[in-house]
C-alpha atoms as a PDB file:
ATOM      1  CA  MET A   1     119.416 126.379 113.501  1.00  0.00           C
ATOM      2  CA  PRO A   2     120.875 123.433 111.572  1.00  0.00           C
ATOM      3  CA  ARG A   3     120.481 123.493 107.815  1.00  0.00           C
ATOM      4  CA  ARG A   4     117.167 122.080 106.725  1.00  0.00           C
ATOM      5  CA  ILE A   5     117.664 118.704 105.054  1.00  0.00           C
ATOM      6  CA  PRO A   6     115.573 118.231 101.892  1.00  0.00           C
ATOM      7  CA  LEU A   7     112.838 115.654 102.292  1.00  0.00           C
ATOM      8  CA  LEU A   8     114.032 113.549  99.375  1.00  0.00           C
ATOM      9  CA  ALA A   9     117.426 113.213 100.989  1.00  0.00           C
ATOM     10  CA  ARG A  10     115.812 112.118 104.224  1.00  0.00           C
ATOM     11  CA  VAL A  11     113.621 109.578 102.464  1.00  0.00           C
ATOM     12  CA  ALA A  12     116.690 108.050 100.860  1.00  0.00           C
ATOM     13  CA  ALA A  13     118.183 107.565 104.306  1.00  0.00           C
ATOM     14  CA  VAL A  14     115.141 105.916 105.867  1.00  0.00           C
ATOM     15  CA  VAL A  15     116.931 102.799 107.034  1.00  0.00           C
ATOM     16  CA  GLY A  16     119.322 104.781 109.206  1.00  0.00           C
ATOM     17  CA  PRO A  17     119.499 103.897 112.939  1.00  0.00           C
ATOM     18  CA  LEU A  18     117.206 105.301 115.567  1.00  0.00           C
ATOM     19  CA  ALA A  19     118.616 107.587 118.218  1.00  0.00           C
ATOM     20  CA  ILE A  20     117.829 104.971 120.864  1.00  0.00           C
ATOM     21  CA  ALA A  21     119.452 101.565 120.802  1.00  0.00           C
ATOM     22  CA  VAL A  22     116.644  99.705 119.096  1.00  0.00           C
ATOM     23  CA  ALA A  23     117.706  99.655 115.459  1.00  0.00           C
ATOM     24  CA  GLY A  24     119.900  96.639 116.071  1.00  0.00           C
ATOM     25  CA  CYS A  25     116.862  94.341 116.432  1.00  0.00           C
ATOM     26  CA  ALA A  26     117.375  91.365 114.157  1.00  0.00           C
ATOM     27  CA  SER A  27     113.740  90.201 114.256  1.00  0.00           C
ATOM     28  CA  GLU A  28     112.808  90.654 110.614  1.00  0.00           C
ATOM     29  CA  ARG A  29     109.023  90.335 110.836  1.00  0.00           C
ATOM     30  CA  GLU A  30     107.911  91.298 107.372  1.00  0.00           C
ATOM     31  CA  ALA A  31     106.339  87.877 106.884  1.00  0.00           C
ATOM     32  CA  SER A  32     105.756  86.460 103.439  1.00  0.00           C
ATOM     33  CA  SER A  33     102.091  86.255 104.415  1.00  0.00           C
ATOM     34  CA  ALA A  34     101.840  90.011 104.940  1.00  0.00           C
ATOM     35  CA  PRO A  35      98.804  91.247 102.988  1.00  0.00           C
ATOM     36  CA  SER A  36      99.192  93.274  99.830  1.00  0.00           C
ATOM     37  CA  VAL A  37      98.262  96.924 100.021  1.00  0.00           C
ATOM     38  CA  SER A  38      95.317  96.370  97.682  1.00  0.00           C
ATOM     39  CA  GLU A  39      93.598  93.920 100.031  1.00  0.00           C
ATOM     40  CA  VAL A  40      91.048  94.927 102.642  1.00  0.00           C
ATOM     41  CA  VAL A  41      92.305  93.289 105.805  1.00  0.00           C
ATOM     42  CA  VAL A  42      91.035  93.083 109.355  1.00  0.00           C
ATOM     43  CA  VAL A  43      94.063  92.740 111.620  1.00  0.00           C
ATOM     44  CA  ALA A  44      93.852  91.520 115.198  1.00  0.00           C
ATOM     45  CA  GLY A  45      94.266  94.472 117.526  1.00  0.00           C
ATOM     46  CA  SER A  46      93.072  97.001 114.971  1.00  0.00           C
ATOM     47  CA  VAL A  47      90.748  99.620 116.392  1.00  0.00           C
ATOM     48  CA  GLU A  48      88.577 102.381 115.056  1.00  0.00           C
ATOM     49  CA  PRO A  49      90.011 105.917 115.245  1.00  0.00           C
ATOM     50  CA  GLY A  50      89.626 107.279 118.753  1.00  0.00           C
ATOM     51  CA  PRO A  51      87.515 110.331 119.525  1.00  0.00           C
ATOM     52  CA  PRO A  52      89.181 113.712 119.984  1.00  0.00           C
ATOM     53  CA  THR A  53      90.302 114.574 123.490  1.00  0.00           C
ATOM     54  CA  SER A  54      88.049 117.625 123.319  1.00  0.00           C
ATOM     55  CA  ALA A  55      84.630 118.230 121.765  1.00  0.00           C
ATOM     56  CA  ASN A  56      84.269 116.534 118.389  1.00  0.00           C
ATOM     57  CA  THR A  57      83.827 119.702 116.382  1.00  0.00           C
ATOM     58  CA  VAL A  58      84.612 119.808 112.684  1.00  0.00           C
ATOM     59  CA  VAL A  59      87.322 122.365 111.990  1.00  0.00           C
ATOM     60  CA  ASP A  60      88.157 124.250 108.799  1.00  0.00           C
ATOM     61  CA  VAL A  61      91.515 123.034 107.529  1.00  0.00           C
ATOM     62  CA  ASP A  62      93.103 124.778 104.561  1.00  0.00           C
ATOM     63  CA  HIS A  63      96.648 123.623 105.259  1.00  0.00           C
ATOM     64  CA  LEU A  64      97.922 120.499 107.010  1.00  0.00           C
ATOM     65  CA  ALA A  65     101.456 119.683 108.134  1.00  0.00           C
ATOM     66  CA  MET A  66     103.058 116.586 109.609  1.00  0.00           C
ATOM     67  CA  VAL A  67     106.230 116.524 111.698  1.00  0.00           C
ATOM     68  CA  GLY A  68     107.830 113.141 112.301  1.00  0.00           C
ATOM     69  CA  ASP A  69     110.836 110.867 112.545  1.00  0.00           C
ATOM     70  CA  SER A  70     112.060 107.874 110.518  1.00  0.00           C
ATOM     71  CA  ILE A  71     108.675 106.151 110.681  1.00  0.00           C
ATOM     72  CA  THR A  72     107.199 109.126 108.838  1.00  0.00           C
ATOM     73  CA  VAL A  73     110.158 109.292 106.459  1.00  0.00           C
ATOM     74  CA  GLY A  74     109.687 105.666 105.500  1.00  0.00           C
ATOM     75  CA  SER A  75     105.928 106.097 105.068  1.00  0.00           C
ATOM     76  CA  THR A  76     106.081 109.349 103.106  1.00  0.00           C
ATOM     77  CA  ALA A  77     104.824 107.913  99.803  1.00  0.00           C
ATOM     78  CA  GLU A  78     101.895 106.204 101.512  1.00  0.00           C
ATOM     79  CA  LEU A  79     101.075 109.313 103.529  1.00  0.00           C
ATOM     80  CA  GLU A  80     101.097 111.543 100.456  1.00  0.00           C
ATOM     81  CA  VAL A  81      98.621 109.236  98.711  1.00  0.00           C
ATOM     82  CA  ALA A  82      96.421 108.984 101.801  1.00  0.00           C
ATOM     83  CA  PHE A  83      96.422 112.748 102.411  1.00  0.00           C
ATOM     84  CA  GLU A  84      95.493 113.412  98.784  1.00  0.00           C
ATOM     85  CA  GLU A  85      92.612 110.932  99.035  1.00  0.00           C
ATOM     86  CA  ILE A  86      91.086 112.919 101.910  1.00  0.00           C
ATOM     87  CA  GLY A  87      91.549 116.280 100.207  1.00  0.00           C
ATOM     88  CA  PHE A  88      95.033 117.419 101.243  1.00  0.00           C
ATOM     89  CA  PRO A  89      97.283 116.955  98.198  1.00  0.00           C
ATOM     90  CA  ASP A  90      99.572 119.743  99.417  1.00  0.00           C
ATOM     91  CA  ALA A  91     100.075 118.424 102.942  1.00  0.00           C
ATOM     92  CA  GLU A  92     103.570 119.379 104.118  1.00  0.00           C
ATOM     93  CA  ILE A  93     105.650 116.536 105.554  1.00  0.00           C
ATOM     94  CA  ASN A  94     108.682 117.499 107.618  1.00  0.00           C
ATOM     95  CA  ALA A  95     110.472 114.371 108.840  1.00  0.00           C
ATOM     96  CA  GLU A  96     113.961 113.186 109.651  1.00  0.00           C
ATOM     97  CA  GLY A  97     115.328 109.818 110.739  1.00  0.00           C
ATOM     98  CA  GLY A  98     116.421 109.696 114.381  1.00  0.00           C
ATOM     99  CA  ARG A  99     114.496 112.857 115.280  1.00  0.00           C
ATOM    100  CA  ARG A 100     113.631 113.433 118.932  1.00  0.00           C
ATOM    101  CA  ILE A 101     110.937 115.709 120.302  1.00  0.00           C
ATOM    102  CA  VAL A 102     113.042 118.520 121.754  1.00  0.00           C
ATOM    103  CA  ARG A 103     116.682 117.388 121.794  1.00  0.00           C
ATOM    104  CA  ASN A 104     118.960 118.156 118.881  1.00  0.00           C
ATOM    105  CA  ASN A 105     121.657 115.503 118.548  1.00  0.00           C
ATOM    106  CA  GLY A 106     122.921 116.688 115.200  1.00  0.00           C
ATOM    107  CA  ILE A 107     119.454 115.962 113.829  1.00  0.00           C
ATOM    108  CA  THR A 108     116.773 118.629 113.890  1.00  0.00           C
ATOM    109  CA  SER A 109     114.381 118.188 116.795  1.00  0.00           C
ATOM    110  CA  GLY A 110     110.618 118.125 116.514  1.00  0.00           C
ATOM    111  CA  VAL A 111     110.490 121.650 117.908  1.00  0.00           C
ATOM    112  CA  GLU A 112     112.859 122.755 115.139  1.00  0.00           C
ATOM    113  CA  GLY A 113     110.764 120.877 112.596  1.00  0.00           C
ATOM    114  CA  VAL A 114     107.701 122.849 113.692  1.00  0.00           C
ATOM    115  CA  ALA A 115     109.687 126.071 113.343  1.00  0.00           C
ATOM    116  CA  GLU A 116     110.727 125.089 109.809  1.00  0.00           C
ATOM    117  CA  VAL A 117     107.103 124.534 108.817  1.00  0.00           C
ATOM    118  CA  LEU A 118     106.066 127.887 110.289  1.00  0.00           C
ATOM    119  CA  GLU A 119     108.889 129.608 108.420  1.00  0.00           C
ATOM    120  CA  ASP A 120     107.610 128.217 105.122  1.00  0.00           C
ATOM    121  CA  GLY A 121     104.791 130.743 105.138  1.00  0.00           C
ATOM    122  CA  GLU A 122     101.317 129.209 105.128  1.00  0.00           C
ATOM    123  CA  GLN A 123     100.290 128.402 108.688  1.00  0.00           C
ATOM    124  CA  PRO A 124      98.837 124.904 109.200  1.00  0.00           C
ATOM    125  CA  ASP A 125      95.349 124.671 110.679  1.00  0.00           C
ATOM    126  CA  LEU A 126      96.004 121.050 111.668  1.00  0.00           C
ATOM    127  CA  TRP A 127      99.270 119.439 112.705  1.00  0.00           C
ATOM    128  CA  VAL A 128     100.040 115.738 112.701  1.00  0.00           C
ATOM    129  CA  VAL A 129     102.881 114.869 115.087  1.00  0.00           C
ATOM    130  CA  ALA A 130     104.535 111.450 114.922  1.00  0.00           C
ATOM    131  CA  LEU A 131     107.312 111.764 117.493  1.00  0.00           C
ATOM    132  CA  GLY A 132     108.361 110.057 120.703  1.00  0.00           C
ATOM    133  CA  THR A 133     109.755 106.755 119.431  1.00  0.00           C
ATOM    134  CA  ASN A 134     113.308 108.045 119.908  1.00  0.00           C
ATOM    135  CA  ASP A 135     112.455 109.453 123.342  1.00  0.00           C
ATOM    136  CA  VAL A 136     110.618 106.715 125.234  1.00  0.00           C
ATOM    137  CA  ALA A 137     113.809 105.021 126.461  1.00  0.00           C
ATOM    138  CA  ASN A 138     115.755 108.237 127.003  1.00  0.00           C
ATOM    139  CA  TYR A 139     113.704 109.983 129.688  1.00  0.00           C
ATOM    140  CA  PRO A 140     112.282 108.932 133.038  1.00  0.00           C
ATOM    141  CA  PRO A 141     108.456 109.020 132.887  1.00  0.00           C
ATOM    142  CA  GLU A 142     108.250 112.118 135.068  1.00  0.00           C
ATOM    143  CA  GLN A 143     109.935 114.097 132.294  1.00  0.00           C
ATOM    144  CA  PHE A 144     107.530 113.011 129.552  1.00  0.00           C
ATOM    145  CA  PRO A 145     104.900 115.724 130.267  1.00  0.00           C
ATOM    146  CA  ASP A 146     107.413 118.566 129.972  1.00  0.00           C
ATOM    147  CA  VAL A 147     108.914 117.170 126.761  1.00  0.00           C
ATOM    148  CA  ILE A 148     105.505 116.752 125.142  1.00  0.00           C
ATOM    149  CA  SER A 149     104.378 120.180 126.357  1.00  0.00           C
ATOM    150  CA  GLU A 150     107.461 121.888 124.937  1.00  0.00           C
ATOM    151  CA  LEU A 151     106.622 120.593 121.475  1.00  0.00           C
ATOM    152  CA  LEU A 152     102.984 121.625 121.857  1.00  0.00           C
ATOM    153  CA  ALA A 153     104.058 125.112 122.946  1.00  0.00           C
ATOM    154  CA  ALA A 154     105.794 125.528 119.580  1.00  0.00           C
ATOM    155  CA  ILE A 155     102.500 124.945 117.745  1.00  0.00           C
ATOM    156  CA  PRO A 156      99.996 127.832 117.623  1.00  0.00           C
ATOM    157  CA  ALA A 157      97.446 127.350 120.392  1.00  0.00           C
ATOM    158  CA  ASP A 158      94.460 127.603 118.061  1.00  0.00           C
ATOM    159  CA  ALA A 159      95.671 124.835 115.730  1.00  0.00           C
ATOM    160  CA  THR A 160      94.333 121.296 115.955  1.00  0.00           C
ATOM    161  CA  VAL A 161      96.867 118.600 116.871  1.00  0.00           C
ATOM    162  CA  VAL A 162      96.723 114.911 115.946  1.00  0.00           C
ATOM    163  CA  TRP A 163      99.589 113.006 117.603  1.00  0.00           C
ATOM    164  CA  VAL A 164     100.544 109.413 116.722  1.00  0.00           C
ATOM    165  CA  ASP A 165     101.359 107.368 119.813  1.00  0.00           C
ATOM    166  CA  THR A 166     104.464 105.168 120.070  1.00  0.00           C
ATOM    167  CA  TYR A 167     105.463 101.512 119.950  1.00  0.00           C
ATOM    168  CA  VAL A 168     108.981 100.128 120.375  1.00  0.00           C
ATOM    169  CA  GLU A 169     109.262  96.351 120.631  1.00  0.00           C
ATOM    170  CA  ASP A 170     112.231  96.419 123.018  1.00  0.00           C
ATOM    171  CA  PHE A 171     110.689  99.143 125.197  1.00  0.00           C
ATOM    172  CA  GLN A 172     106.988  98.349 125.161  1.00  0.00           C
ATOM    173  CA  GLU A 173     106.351  99.337 128.782  1.00  0.00           C
ATOM    174  CA  ASP A 174     108.137 102.675 128.342  1.00  0.00           C
ATOM    175  CA  ALA A 175     106.123 103.328 125.189  1.00  0.00           C
ATOM    176  CA  ALA A 176     102.861 102.477 126.950  1.00  0.00           C
ATOM    177  CA  VAL A 177     103.668 104.932 129.756  1.00  0.00           C
ATOM    178  CA  PHE A 178     104.588 107.630 127.253  1.00  0.00           C
ATOM    179  CA  ASP A 179     101.350 107.048 125.338  1.00  0.00           C
ATOM    180  CA  SER A 180      99.258 107.310 128.503  1.00  0.00           C
ATOM    181  CA  ILE A 181     100.938 110.566 129.506  1.00  0.00           C
ATOM    182  CA  LEU A 182     100.574 111.859 125.940  1.00  0.00           C
ATOM    183  CA  ARG A 183      96.809 111.415 126.176  1.00  0.00           C
ATOM    184  CA  GLU A 184      96.702 113.213 129.512  1.00  0.00           C
ATOM    185  CA  VAL A 185      98.694 116.178 128.218  1.00  0.00           C
ATOM    186  CA  LEU A 186      96.603 116.463 125.052  1.00  0.00           C
ATOM    187  CA  THR A 187      93.390 116.281 127.061  1.00  0.00           C
ATOM    188  CA  ARG A 188      94.548 119.288 129.080  1.00  0.00           C
ATOM    189  CA  ARG A 189      95.469 121.147 125.889  1.00  0.00           C
ATOM    190  CA  GLY A 190      92.221 120.400 124.104  1.00  0.00           C
ATOM    191  CA  ASN A 191      91.632 120.623 120.354  1.00  0.00           C
ATOM    192  CA  ALA A 192      93.746 117.494 119.999  1.00  0.00           C
ATOM    193  CA  SER A 193      93.507 113.729 119.563  1.00  0.00           C
ATOM    194  CA  VAL A 194      95.699 110.633 119.394  1.00  0.00           C
ATOM    195  CA  VAL A 195      96.278 108.117 116.611  1.00  0.00           C
ATOM    196  CA  ASP A 196      96.435 104.615 118.078  1.00  0.00           C
ATOM    197  CA  TRP A 197      99.539 103.021 116.578  1.00  0.00           C
ATOM    198  CA  TYR A 198     100.557 101.009 119.654  1.00  0.00           C
ATOM    199  CA  SER A 199      97.689  98.502 119.434  1.00  0.00           C
ATOM    200  CA  ILE A 200      98.527  97.394 115.892  1.00  0.00           C
ATOM    201  CA  ALA A 201     102.293  97.875 115.578  1.00  0.00           C
ATOM    202  CA  GLY A 202     103.194  94.666 117.419  1.00  0.00           C
ATOM    203  CA  GLU A 203     101.123  92.441 115.138  1.00  0.00           C
ATOM    204  CA  ASP A 204     102.933  90.104 112.752  1.00  0.00           C
ATOM    205  CA  GLY A 205     103.900  91.726 109.473  1.00  0.00           C
ATOM    206  CA  VAL A 206     103.324  95.338 110.568  1.00  0.00           C
ATOM    207  CA  LEU A 207     106.956  96.105 111.496  1.00  0.00           C
ATOM    208  CA  TYR A 208     110.145  94.642 110.041  1.00  0.00           C
ATOM    209  CA  ASP A 209     112.510  95.417 112.922  1.00  0.00           C
ATOM    210  CA  GLY A 210     110.362  96.102 115.959  1.00  0.00           C
ATOM    211  CA  VAL A 211     110.129  99.819 115.141  1.00  0.00           C
ATOM    212  CA  HIS A 212     109.776 100.609 111.432  1.00  0.00           C
ATOM    213  CA  PRO A 213     106.730  99.656 109.343  1.00  0.00           C
ATOM    214  CA  SER A 214     106.882  96.990 106.660  1.00  0.00           C
ATOM    215  CA  GLY A 215     105.237  97.517 103.281  1.00  0.00           C
ATOM    216  CA  PHE A 216     101.827  96.697 104.723  1.00  0.00           C
ATOM    217  CA  GLY A 217     102.679  98.563 107.931  1.00  0.00           C
ATOM    218  CA  LYS A 218     103.359 101.780 106.026  1.00  0.00           C
ATOM    219  CA  THR A 219      99.916 101.618 104.441  1.00  0.00           C
ATOM    220  CA  GLU A 220      98.306 100.914 107.814  1.00  0.00           C
ATOM    221  CA  PHE A 221     100.244 103.766 109.418  1.00  0.00           C
ATOM    222  CA  ALA A 222      99.053 106.203 106.741  1.00  0.00           C
ATOM    223  CA  ARG A 223      95.477 104.918 107.003  1.00  0.00           C
ATOM    224  CA  ARG A 224      95.373 105.419 110.757  1.00  0.00           C
ATOM    225  CA  VAL A 225      96.790 108.923 110.478  1.00  0.00           C
ATOM    226  CA  THR A 226      94.298 110.023 107.846  1.00  0.00           C
ATOM    227  CA  ASP A 227      91.359 108.316 109.568  1.00  0.00           C
ATOM    228  CA  GLU A 228      92.048 110.460 112.625  1.00  0.00           C
ATOM    229  CA  VAL A 229      92.442 113.594 110.535  1.00  0.00           C
ATOM    230  CA  LYS A 230      89.013 112.852 109.026  1.00  0.00           C
ATOM    231  CA  VAL A 231      87.521 112.836 112.540  1.00  0.00           C
ATOM    232  CA  TRP A 232      88.259 116.561 112.626  1.00  0.00           C
ATOM    233  CA  THR A 233      87.589 117.519 109.025  1.00  0.00           C
ATOM    234  CA  THR A 234      84.439 115.645 107.956  1.00  0.00           C
END
């Protein structure tokens, strides 16, 4: 297994390119009118957290872990604050820019990220997965179920899974197909739910390059993640 890269080193490299050819987007959309993080804002397209794909039963969560890619890396500070606010100050975040779900291209895959978390000792009761952005344009749709299922197979079957869906400005249709299949696969698994990122990510000021969140976008990303975690824990 490749050497584990310290989180701080990954955070410093947040602006690195995605594995797919989307990082070259020149559409800087972090508008000057983007709201400050202290404001309460209703954004067009924003939705309430969706219900779990299985029975909405509160679960006991002593330890929470999140496995993600550059979107998670860039939002780490906001996620840490948001997790602490809902009672998880020790949430473990394992993220790396350019990460794909199962393929290792010199960057640890999501499956390897799960293994790293499990090797750390304390077993998470709830997993947040924010992966797929680097995969939507690299697989035909018929391969999406197997890729998603391989990652899920690495997570203990009795653990709850909250997976953030995908949005890529240059591959919106591919992302929408992936997100639909993701929901189908998680419904079959049960004890899982989806964070709706797709519906808000394309709004003005949320992303700065068609993929990565702006300052406001990072706060919105963290809010959506923790709102869905609260569906399971409160």
